[in-house]
Amino acid sequence: MLNRPTYRLNPQDVGQPRGIGINVLFNNGTNVFNTTYTTKEQVKSNLINYILTDKGERFFDPLFGGNLRASLFEPDTTFDNVAARLEQEIYAYVPNIIIRDITIRKLSDQNTVNIILDYSINNQDDNLVLNVSTTDLSK
């Protein structure tokens, strides 16, 4: 018997490309809303949206969001605590993801927080790197 590799594909990723969501990055210059066509693209967009949203910012779901503004400027907060909380909360809003690692570190010379999220979706590894300026968060 042949041992063939097993692939887990989302049905929306097979066949004729259809838009399944909206990319949260709006800056390509041609359209206001950029469509995502694969589950992998949409999950990355959902993660960016979740991490950069503050709790209470989304109507009808006040617990949604990574709450970085409040978390990063508390005196007793460590990046490990923020990473552990983010990992736990992301599973509630993006349940089909497997998080491998979340690393948060401060780039002191640039007043920037670097967030690296390694994860997999449908057996496809991916990572997300966000550089968030602390001056942007304090607005």
C-alpha atoms as a PDB file:
ATOM      1  CA  MET A   1       0.000   0.000   0.000  1.00  0.00           C
ATOM      2  CA  LEU A   2       1.246   3.469  -0.878  1.00  0.00           C
ATOM      3  CA  ASN A   3       1.899   5.940   1.877  1.00  0.00           C
ATOM      4  CA  ARG A   4       0.591   9.205   0.525  1.00  0.00           C
ATOM      5  CA  PRO A   5       0.894  12.479   2.429  1.00  0.00           C
ATOM      6  CA  THR A   6      -2.251  13.699   4.124  1.00  0.00           C
ATOM      7  CA  TYR A   7      -3.250  17.325   3.630  1.00  0.00           C
ATOM      8  CA  ARG A   8      -5.894  19.216   5.551  1.00  0.00           C
ATOM      9  CA  LEU A   9      -7.363  21.886   3.328  1.00  0.00           C
ATOM     10  CA  ASN A  10     -10.148  24.253   4.045  1.00  0.00           C
ATOM     11  CA  PRO A  11     -12.845  23.807   1.360  1.00  0.00           C
ATOM     12  CA  GLN A  12     -12.740  27.536   0.690  1.00  0.00           C
ATOM     13  CA  ASP A  13      -9.073  27.244  -0.366  1.00  0.00           C
ATOM     14  CA  VAL A  14      -9.797  24.778  -3.200  1.00  0.00           C
ATOM     15  CA  GLY A  15     -11.190  25.502  -6.645  1.00  0.00           C
ATOM     16  CA  GLN A  16     -12.156  28.851  -8.108  1.00  0.00           C
ATOM     17  CA  PRO A  17     -10.784  31.680  -5.934  1.00  0.00           C
ATOM     18  CA  ARG A  18     -13.490  33.428  -3.955  1.00  0.00           C
ATOM     19  CA  GLY A  19     -12.990  36.166  -1.450  1.00  0.00           C
ATOM     20  CA  ILE A  20     -13.484  34.928   2.089  1.00  0.00           C
ATOM     21  CA  GLY A  21     -12.686  38.069   4.040  1.00  0.00           C
ATOM     22  CA  ILE A  22     -11.179  41.526   4.147  1.00  0.00           C
ATOM     23  CA  ASN A  23      -7.510  42.159   4.771  1.00  0.00           C
ATOM     24  CA  VAL A  24      -6.956  44.511   7.687  1.00  0.00           C
ATOM     25  CA  LEU A  25      -4.060  46.252   5.878  1.00  0.00           C
ATOM     26  CA  PHE A  26      -5.721  48.888   3.705  1.00  0.00           C
ATOM     27  CA  ASN A  27      -2.711  50.522   2.043  1.00  0.00           C
ATOM     28  CA  ASN A  28      -2.250  48.979  -1.420  1.00  0.00           C
ATOM     29  CA  GLY A  29      -3.480  52.094  -3.213  1.00  0.00           C
ATOM     30  CA  THR A  30      -5.906  50.479  -5.660  1.00  0.00           C
ATOM     31  CA  ASN A  31      -8.856  49.454  -3.487  1.00  0.00           C
ATOM     32  CA  VAL A  32     -10.173  50.528  -0.137  1.00  0.00           C
ATOM     33  CA  PHE A  33     -10.835  46.945   0.943  1.00  0.00           C
ATOM     34  CA  ASN A  34      -8.404  44.229  -0.083  1.00  0.00           C
ATOM     35  CA  THR A  35      -9.970  40.791  -0.311  1.00  0.00           C
ATOM     36  CA  THR A  36      -8.331  37.695   1.166  1.00  0.00           C
ATOM     37  CA  TYR A  37      -8.689  34.500  -0.841  1.00  0.00           C
ATOM     38  CA  THR A  38      -7.181  31.855   1.467  1.00  0.00           C
ATOM     39  CA  THR A  39      -7.735  30.832   5.049  1.00  0.00           C
ATOM     40  CA  LYS A  40      -4.055  31.485   5.776  1.00  0.00           C
ATOM     41  CA  GLU A  41      -4.332  35.125   4.635  1.00  0.00           C
ATOM     42  CA  GLN A  42      -7.563  35.659   6.567  1.00  0.00           C
ATOM     43  CA  VAL A  43      -6.182  34.180   9.796  1.00  0.00           C
ATOM     44  CA  LYS A  44      -3.174  36.506   9.598  1.00  0.00           C
ATOM     45  CA  SER A  45      -5.518  39.463   9.099  1.00  0.00           C
ATOM     46  CA  ASN A  46      -7.678  38.324  12.031  1.00  0.00           C
ATOM     47  CA  LEU A  47      -4.601  38.070  14.274  1.00  0.00           C
ATOM     48  CA  ILE A  48      -3.432  41.576  13.374  1.00  0.00           C
ATOM     49  CA  ASN A  49      -6.929  42.901  14.026  1.00  0.00           C
ATOM     50  CA  TYR A  50      -7.161  41.142  17.391  1.00  0.00           C
ATOM     51  CA  ILE A  51      -3.721  42.152  18.655  1.00  0.00           C
ATOM     52  CA  LEU A  52      -4.067  45.830  17.699  1.00  0.00           C
ATOM     53  CA  THR A  53      -7.620  46.287  19.047  1.00  0.00           C
ATOM     54  CA  ASP A  54      -8.179  47.493  22.608  1.00  0.00           C
ATOM     55  CA  LYS A  55     -10.753  45.888  24.860  1.00  0.00           C
ATOM     56  CA  GLY A  56     -13.980  47.865  24.736  1.00  0.00           C
ATOM     57  CA  GLU A  57     -13.194  49.213  21.281  1.00  0.00           C
ATOM     58  CA  ARG A  58     -15.426  46.762  19.410  1.00  0.00           C
ATOM     59  CA  PHE A  59     -19.154  47.292  19.778  1.00  0.00           C
ATOM     60  CA  PHE A  60     -21.186  44.356  21.147  1.00  0.00           C
ATOM     61  CA  ASP A  61     -17.990  42.456  22.067  1.00  0.00           C
ATOM     62  CA  PRO A  62     -16.188  44.491  24.728  1.00  0.00           C
ATOM     63  CA  LEU A  63     -13.786  41.643  25.601  1.00  0.00           C
ATOM     64  CA  PHE A  64     -12.371  41.452  22.051  1.00  0.00           C
ATOM     65  CA  GLY A  65      -8.819  42.707  21.595  1.00  0.00           C
ATOM     66  CA  GLY A  66      -5.210  42.307  22.656  1.00  0.00           C
ATOM     67  CA  ASN A  67      -5.389  45.427  24.848  1.00  0.00           C
ATOM     68  CA  LEU A  68      -1.767  46.406  24.228  1.00  0.00           C
ATOM     69  CA  ARG A  69      -2.201  50.012  25.361  1.00  0.00           C
ATOM     70  CA  ALA A  70      -3.265  49.017  28.852  1.00  0.00           C
ATOM     71  CA  SER A  71      -0.962  45.996  29.086  1.00  0.00           C
ATOM     72  CA  LEU A  72       2.312  47.520  27.970  1.00  0.00           C
ATOM     73  CA  PHE A  73       2.195  50.621  30.143  1.00  0.00           C
ATOM     74  CA  GLU A  74       1.372  49.031  33.484  1.00  0.00           C
ATOM     75  CA  PRO A  75       4.395  49.108  35.806  1.00  0.00           C
ATOM     76  CA  ASP A  76       4.148  45.489  36.964  1.00  0.00           C
ATOM     77  CA  THR A  77       3.495  43.947  33.538  1.00  0.00           C
ATOM     78  CA  THR A  78       6.068  41.649  31.979  1.00  0.00           C
ATOM     79  CA  PHE A  79       6.176  40.733  28.315  1.00  0.00           C
ATOM     80  CA  ASP A  80       5.882  37.057  29.295  1.00  0.00           C
ATOM     81  CA  ASN A  81       2.568  37.766  31.057  1.00  0.00           C
ATOM     82  CA  VAL A  82       1.256  39.693  28.038  1.00  0.00           C
ATOM     83  CA  ALA A  83       2.313  36.879  25.679  1.00  0.00           C
ATOM     84  CA  ALA A  84       0.637  34.214  27.849  1.00  0.00           C
ATOM     85  CA  ARG A  85      -2.584  36.237  28.052  1.00  0.00           C
ATOM     86  CA  LEU A  86      -2.590  36.880  24.301  1.00  0.00           C
ATOM     87  CA  GLU A  87      -2.098  33.181  23.561  1.00  0.00           C
ATOM     88  CA  GLN A  88      -4.991  32.190  25.798  1.00  0.00           C
ATOM     89  CA  GLU A  89      -7.339  34.849  24.402  1.00  0.00           C
ATOM     90  CA  ILE A  90      -6.445  34.255  20.734  1.00  0.00           C
ATOM     91  CA  TYR A  91      -7.693  30.666  20.994  1.00  0.00           C
ATOM     92  CA  ALA A  92     -11.155  31.984  21.899  1.00  0.00           C
ATOM     93  CA  TYR A  93     -11.395  34.135  18.753  1.00  0.00           C
ATOM     94  CA  VAL A  94      -9.305  32.090  16.286  1.00  0.00           C
ATOM     95  CA  PRO A  95      -9.982  28.502  17.391  1.00  0.00           C
ATOM     96  CA  ASN A  96      -8.492  26.737  14.338  1.00  0.00           C
ATOM     97  CA  ILE A  97      -4.972  28.021  15.002  1.00  0.00           C
ATOM     98  CA  ILE A  98      -2.069  26.277  16.716  1.00  0.00           C
ATOM     99  CA  ILE A  99       0.250  28.792  18.378  1.00  0.00           C
ATOM    100  CA  ARG A 100       3.860  27.647  18.518  1.00  0.00           C
ATOM    101  CA  ASP A 101       5.401  30.692  20.196  1.00  0.00           C
ATOM    102  CA  ILE A 102       4.736  34.329  21.049  1.00  0.00           C
ATOM    103  CA  THR A 103       7.724  36.576  21.677  1.00  0.00           C
ATOM    104  CA  ILE A 104       7.398  40.192  22.756  1.00  0.00           C
ATOM    105  CA  ARG A 105      10.422  42.413  23.174  1.00  0.00           C
ATOM    106  CA  LYS A 106      11.106  46.120  23.397  1.00  0.00           C
ATOM    107  CA  LEU A 107      13.380  47.725  20.858  1.00  0.00           C
ATOM    108  CA  SER A 108      14.622  50.486  23.154  1.00  0.00           C
ATOM    109  CA  ASP A 109      16.434  52.552  20.554  1.00  0.00           C
ATOM    110  CA  GLN A 110      13.250  52.910  18.487  1.00  0.00           C
ATOM    111  CA  ASN A 111      10.515  53.097  21.196  1.00  0.00           C
ATOM    112  CA  THR A 112       8.987  50.090  19.516  1.00  0.00           C
ATOM    113  CA  VAL A 113       7.566  46.814  20.754  1.00  0.00           C
ATOM    114  CA  ASN A 114       8.273  43.817  18.521  1.00  0.00           C
ATOM    115  CA  ILE A 115       5.685  41.009  18.590  1.00  0.00           C
ATOM    116  CA  ILE A 116       6.543  37.731  16.853  1.00  0.00           C
ATOM    117  CA  LEU A 117       3.809  35.105  16.659  1.00  0.00           C
ATOM    118  CA  ASP A 118       4.680  31.688  15.211  1.00  0.00           C
ATOM    119  CA  TYR A 119       1.630  29.567  14.440  1.00  0.00           C
ATOM    120  CA  SER A 120       0.151  27.029  12.076  1.00  0.00           C
ATOM    121  CA  ILE A 121      -3.208  26.840  10.368  1.00  0.00           C
ATOM    122  CA  ASN A 122      -4.359  23.728   8.488  1.00  0.00           C
ATOM    123  CA  ASN A 123      -0.851  22.230   8.842  1.00  0.00           C
ATOM    124  CA  GLN A 124       0.718  25.284   7.208  1.00  0.00           C
ATOM    125  CA  ASP A 125       3.288  27.100   9.318  1.00  0.00           C
ATOM    126  CA  ASP A 126       3.264  30.872   9.265  1.00  0.00           C
ATOM    127  CA  ASN A 127       4.454  33.755  11.378  1.00  0.00           C
ATOM    128  CA  LEU A 128       3.359  37.277  12.082  1.00  0.00           C
ATOM    129  CA  VAL A 129       5.783  40.062  12.937  1.00  0.00           C
ATOM    130  CA  LEU A 130       4.316  43.303  14.266  1.00  0.00           C
ATOM    131  CA  ASN A 131       6.419  46.322  15.155  1.00  0.00           C
ATOM    132  CA  VAL A 132       4.229  48.589  17.240  1.00  0.00           C
ATOM    133  CA  SER A 133       5.510  52.034  18.099  1.00  0.00           C
ATOM    134  CA  THR A 134       4.827  53.022  21.692  1.00  0.00           C
ATOM    135  CA  THR A 135       4.017  56.552  20.492  1.00  0.00           C
ATOM    136  CA  ASP A 136       1.233  55.109  18.317  1.00  0.00           C
ATOM    137  CA  LEU A 137      -0.196  53.229  21.303  1.00  0.00           C
ATOM    138  CA  SER A 138      -0.347  56.265  23.565  1.00  0.00           C
ATOM    139  CA  LYS A 139      -2.785  58.192  21.325  1.00  0.00           C
END
